[in-house]
């Protein structure tokens, strides 16, 4: 009869010992690839959307919910 304790006591397979570090390595390589792609695109003149939005935003008059403060009384 298979009970849950049989699975908890059993030694993990070799795929567990190889697979988990491989997933970690995959994440590291994926992050490194995105970092390098971002660096190359910035060198080519591409800017991220946040940076572009900050540079092109026009300064607006900040309004409060007080009418007298907005009109400068």
N, C-alpha and C. Protein backbone atom coordinates (compact mmCIF):
# COMPACT_ATOMS: atom_id res chain seq x y z
N UNK A 1 0.84 -1.19 0.00
CA UNK A 1 0.00 0.00 0.00
C UNK A 1 0.88 1.26 0.00
N UNK A 2 0.59 2.18 -0.89
CA UNK A 2 1.38 3.41 -0.98
C UNK A 2 0.78 4.46 -0.06
N UNK A 3 1.54 4.88 0.88
CA UNK A 3 1.11 5.97 1.75
C UNK A 3 2.02 7.18 1.51
N UNK A 4 1.62 8.29 2.08
CA UNK A 4 2.40 9.51 1.86
C UNK A 4 3.78 9.40 2.51
N UNK A 5 3.92 8.60 3.57
CA UNK A 5 5.22 8.48 4.23
C UNK A 5 6.23 7.74 3.35
N UNK A 6 5.73 6.84 2.46
CA UNK A 6 6.65 6.16 1.55
C UNK A 6 7.34 7.15 0.62
N UNK A 7 6.59 8.19 0.18
CA UNK A 7 7.18 9.20 -0.71
C UNK A 7 8.08 10.16 0.04
N UNK A 8 7.77 10.41 1.31
CA UNK A 8 8.58 11.35 2.07
C UNK A 8 9.92 10.74 2.48
N UNK A 9 9.95 9.43 2.71
CA UNK A 9 11.17 8.76 3.15
C UNK A 9 12.08 8.44 1.98
N UNK A 10 11.49 8.25 0.80
CA UNK A 10 12.25 7.82 -0.37
C UNK A 10 13.28 8.88 -0.79
N UNK A 11 14.43 8.41 -1.21
CA UNK A 11 15.49 9.30 -1.69
C UNK A 11 15.04 9.98 -2.99
N UNK A 12 15.29 11.29 -3.14
CA UNK A 12 14.93 11.96 -4.39
C UNK A 12 15.71 11.39 -5.57
N UNK A 13 15.12 11.48 -6.75
CA UNK A 13 15.78 10.94 -7.93
C UNK A 13 16.90 11.87 -8.39
N UNK A 14 17.70 11.38 -9.32
CA UNK A 14 18.81 12.17 -9.84
C UNK A 14 18.31 13.40 -10.59
N UNK A 15 17.13 13.29 -11.19
CA UNK A 15 16.57 14.44 -11.90
C UNK A 15 16.30 15.61 -10.97
N UNK A 16 16.00 15.31 -9.72
CA UNK A 16 15.79 16.38 -8.74
C UNK A 16 17.08 17.14 -8.48
N UNK A 17 18.18 16.37 -8.31
CA UNK A 17 19.46 17.01 -8.00
C UNK A 17 20.02 17.77 -9.20
N UNK A 18 19.66 17.36 -10.40
CA UNK A 18 20.15 18.04 -11.59
C UNK A 18 19.16 19.12 -12.03
N UNK A 19 17.86 18.84 -11.90
CA UNK A 19 16.85 19.73 -12.43
C UNK A 19 16.72 21.04 -11.69
N UNK A 20 16.79 21.00 -10.38
CA UNK A 20 16.62 22.23 -9.60
C UNK A 20 17.77 23.23 -9.86
N UNK A 21 19.05 22.81 -9.83
CA UNK A 21 20.10 23.77 -10.20
C UNK A 21 20.00 24.23 -11.65
N UNK A 22 19.52 23.36 -12.53
CA UNK A 22 19.36 23.78 -13.93
C UNK A 22 18.32 24.88 -14.06
N UNK A 23 17.24 24.79 -13.28
CA UNK A 23 16.23 25.86 -13.31
C UNK A 23 16.83 27.17 -12.80
N UNK A 24 17.65 27.09 -11.76
CA UNK A 24 18.31 28.29 -11.27
C UNK A 24 19.25 28.88 -12.30
N UNK A 25 19.99 28.03 -12.97
CA UNK A 25 20.90 28.50 -14.01
C UNK A 25 20.13 29.12 -15.17
N UNK A 26 19.00 28.52 -15.50
CA UNK A 26 18.16 29.08 -16.57
C UNK A 26 17.69 30.48 -16.22
N UNK A 27 17.26 30.69 -14.97
CA UNK A 27 16.82 32.02 -14.56
C UNK A 27 17.95 33.03 -14.64
N UNK A 28 19.15 32.63 -14.20
CA UNK A 28 20.30 33.54 -14.23
C UNK A 28 20.64 33.91 -15.67
N UNK A 29 20.65 32.92 -16.56
CA UNK A 29 20.96 33.20 -17.96
C UNK A 29 19.89 34.06 -18.62
N UNK A 30 18.64 33.83 -18.26
CA UNK A 30 17.56 34.64 -18.81
C UNK A 30 17.69 36.10 -18.36
N UNK A 31 17.98 36.31 -17.08
CA UNK A 31 18.16 37.67 -16.57
C UNK A 31 19.37 38.33 -17.24
N UNK A 32 20.45 37.59 -17.41
CA UNK A 32 21.65 38.15 -18.06
C UNK A 32 21.35 38.51 -19.51
N UNK A 33 20.57 37.68 -20.19
CA UNK A 33 20.21 37.97 -21.58
C UNK A 33 19.38 39.23 -21.70
N UNK A 34 18.42 39.41 -20.80
CA UNK A 34 17.61 40.63 -20.84
C UNK A 34 18.46 41.86 -20.52
N UNK A 35 19.41 41.71 -19.59
CA UNK A 35 20.27 42.83 -19.24
C UNK A 35 21.15 43.23 -20.42
N UNK A 36 21.71 42.23 -21.11
CA UNK A 36 22.55 42.54 -22.26
C UNK A 36 21.74 43.13 -23.41
N UNK A 37 20.52 42.62 -23.62
CA UNK A 37 19.67 43.16 -24.68
C UNK A 37 19.32 44.62 -24.38
N UNK A 38 19.05 44.92 -23.12
CA UNK A 38 18.72 46.30 -22.74
C UNK A 38 19.93 47.21 -22.96
N UNK A 39 21.11 46.70 -22.63
CA UNK A 39 22.32 47.50 -22.81
C UNK A 39 22.59 47.78 -24.30
N UNK A 40 22.39 46.77 -25.13
CA UNK A 40 22.60 46.94 -26.58
C UNK A 40 21.58 47.90 -27.16
N UNK A 41 20.33 47.76 -26.74
CA UNK A 41 19.29 48.66 -27.27
C UNK A 41 19.53 50.10 -26.84
N UNK A 42 20.00 50.32 -25.61
CA UNK A 42 20.30 51.68 -25.18
C UNK A 42 21.46 52.27 -25.96
N UNK A 43 22.44 51.43 -26.32
CA UNK A 43 23.57 51.89 -27.12
C UNK A 43 23.10 52.31 -28.51
N UNK A 44 22.07 51.64 -29.02
CA UNK A 44 21.54 51.96 -30.35
C UNK A 44 20.63 53.18 -30.34
N UNK A 45 20.36 53.73 -29.16
CA UNK A 45 19.54 54.93 -29.10
C UNK A 45 18.13 54.70 -28.61
N UNK A 46 17.80 53.48 -28.29
CA UNK A 46 16.47 53.18 -27.77
C UNK A 46 16.41 53.55 -26.29
N UNK A 47 15.31 54.19 -25.90
CA UNK A 47 15.14 54.52 -24.48
C UNK A 47 13.94 53.77 -23.96
N UNK A 48 14.00 53.43 -22.68
CA UNK A 48 12.85 52.77 -22.06
C UNK A 48 11.68 53.73 -21.99
N UNK A 49 10.49 53.18 -21.91
CA UNK A 49 9.28 54.00 -21.96
C UNK A 49 9.20 54.97 -20.78
N UNK A 50 9.62 54.54 -19.58
CA UNK A 50 9.53 55.43 -18.43
C UNK A 50 10.45 56.65 -18.61
N UNK A 51 11.67 56.39 -19.09
CA UNK A 51 12.62 57.48 -19.28
C UNK A 51 12.10 58.43 -20.35
N UNK A 52 11.58 57.88 -21.44
CA UNK A 52 11.05 58.70 -22.52
C UNK A 52 9.87 59.53 -22.02
N UNK A 53 9.00 58.92 -21.22
CA UNK A 53 7.82 59.62 -20.73
C UNK A 53 8.23 60.75 -19.79
N UNK A 54 9.27 60.53 -18.96
CA UNK A 54 9.70 61.58 -18.04
C UNK A 54 10.30 62.76 -18.78
N UNK A 55 11.03 62.50 -19.86
CA UNK A 55 11.68 63.58 -20.59
C UNK A 55 10.70 64.39 -21.43
N UNK A 56 9.62 63.76 -21.88
CA UNK A 56 8.69 64.47 -22.76
C UNK A 56 7.50 65.05 -22.01
N UNK A 57 7.38 64.78 -20.73
CA UNK A 57 6.22 65.27 -19.98
C UNK A 57 6.33 66.77 -19.76
N UNK A 58 5.26 67.47 -20.04
CA UNK A 58 5.23 68.91 -19.81
C UNK A 58 4.90 69.17 -18.35
N UNK A 59 5.57 70.13 -17.74
CA UNK A 59 5.24 70.42 -16.35
C UNK A 59 3.84 71.04 -16.28
N UNK A 60 3.00 70.51 -15.43
CA UNK A 60 1.64 71.02 -15.30
C UNK A 60 1.48 71.67 -13.94
N UNK A 61 0.55 72.61 -13.86
CA UNK A 61 0.28 73.27 -12.59
C UNK A 61 -0.43 72.29 -11.68
N UNK A 62 0.12 72.11 -10.52
CA UNK A 62 -0.48 71.16 -9.59
C UNK A 62 -1.71 71.78 -8.96
N UNK A 63 -2.81 71.09 -9.03
CA UNK A 63 -4.06 71.59 -8.46
C UNK A 63 -4.37 70.87 -7.17
N UNK A 64 -4.89 71.64 -6.23
CA UNK A 64 -5.36 71.05 -4.99
C UNK A 64 -6.88 71.05 -5.02
N UNK A 65 -7.47 70.55 -3.98
CA UNK A 65 -8.92 70.56 -3.93
C UNK A 65 -9.46 71.85 -3.31
N UNK A 66 -8.56 72.80 -3.01
CA UNK A 66 -8.99 74.09 -2.49
C UNK A 66 -9.01 75.10 -3.61
N UNK A 67 -10.16 75.69 -3.85
CA UNK A 67 -10.29 76.63 -4.95
C UNK A 67 -9.46 77.89 -4.69
N UNK A 68 -9.45 78.38 -3.45
CA UNK A 68 -8.70 79.61 -3.16
C UNK A 68 -7.20 79.40 -3.35
N UNK A 69 -6.69 78.22 -2.99
CA UNK A 69 -5.26 77.97 -3.16
C UNK A 69 -4.91 77.85 -4.64
N UNK A 70 -5.82 77.26 -5.44
CA UNK A 70 -5.56 77.11 -6.86
C UNK A 70 -5.52 78.46 -7.57
N UNK A 71 -6.36 79.38 -7.13
CA UNK A 71 -6.42 80.67 -7.81
C UNK A 71 -5.42 81.66 -7.24
N UNK A 72 -4.72 81.30 -6.19
CA UNK A 72 -3.64 82.13 -5.68
C UNK A 72 -4.08 83.19 -4.69
N UNK A 73 -5.21 83.04 -4.02
CA UNK A 73 -5.63 84.02 -3.01
C UNK A 73 -4.82 83.87 -1.76
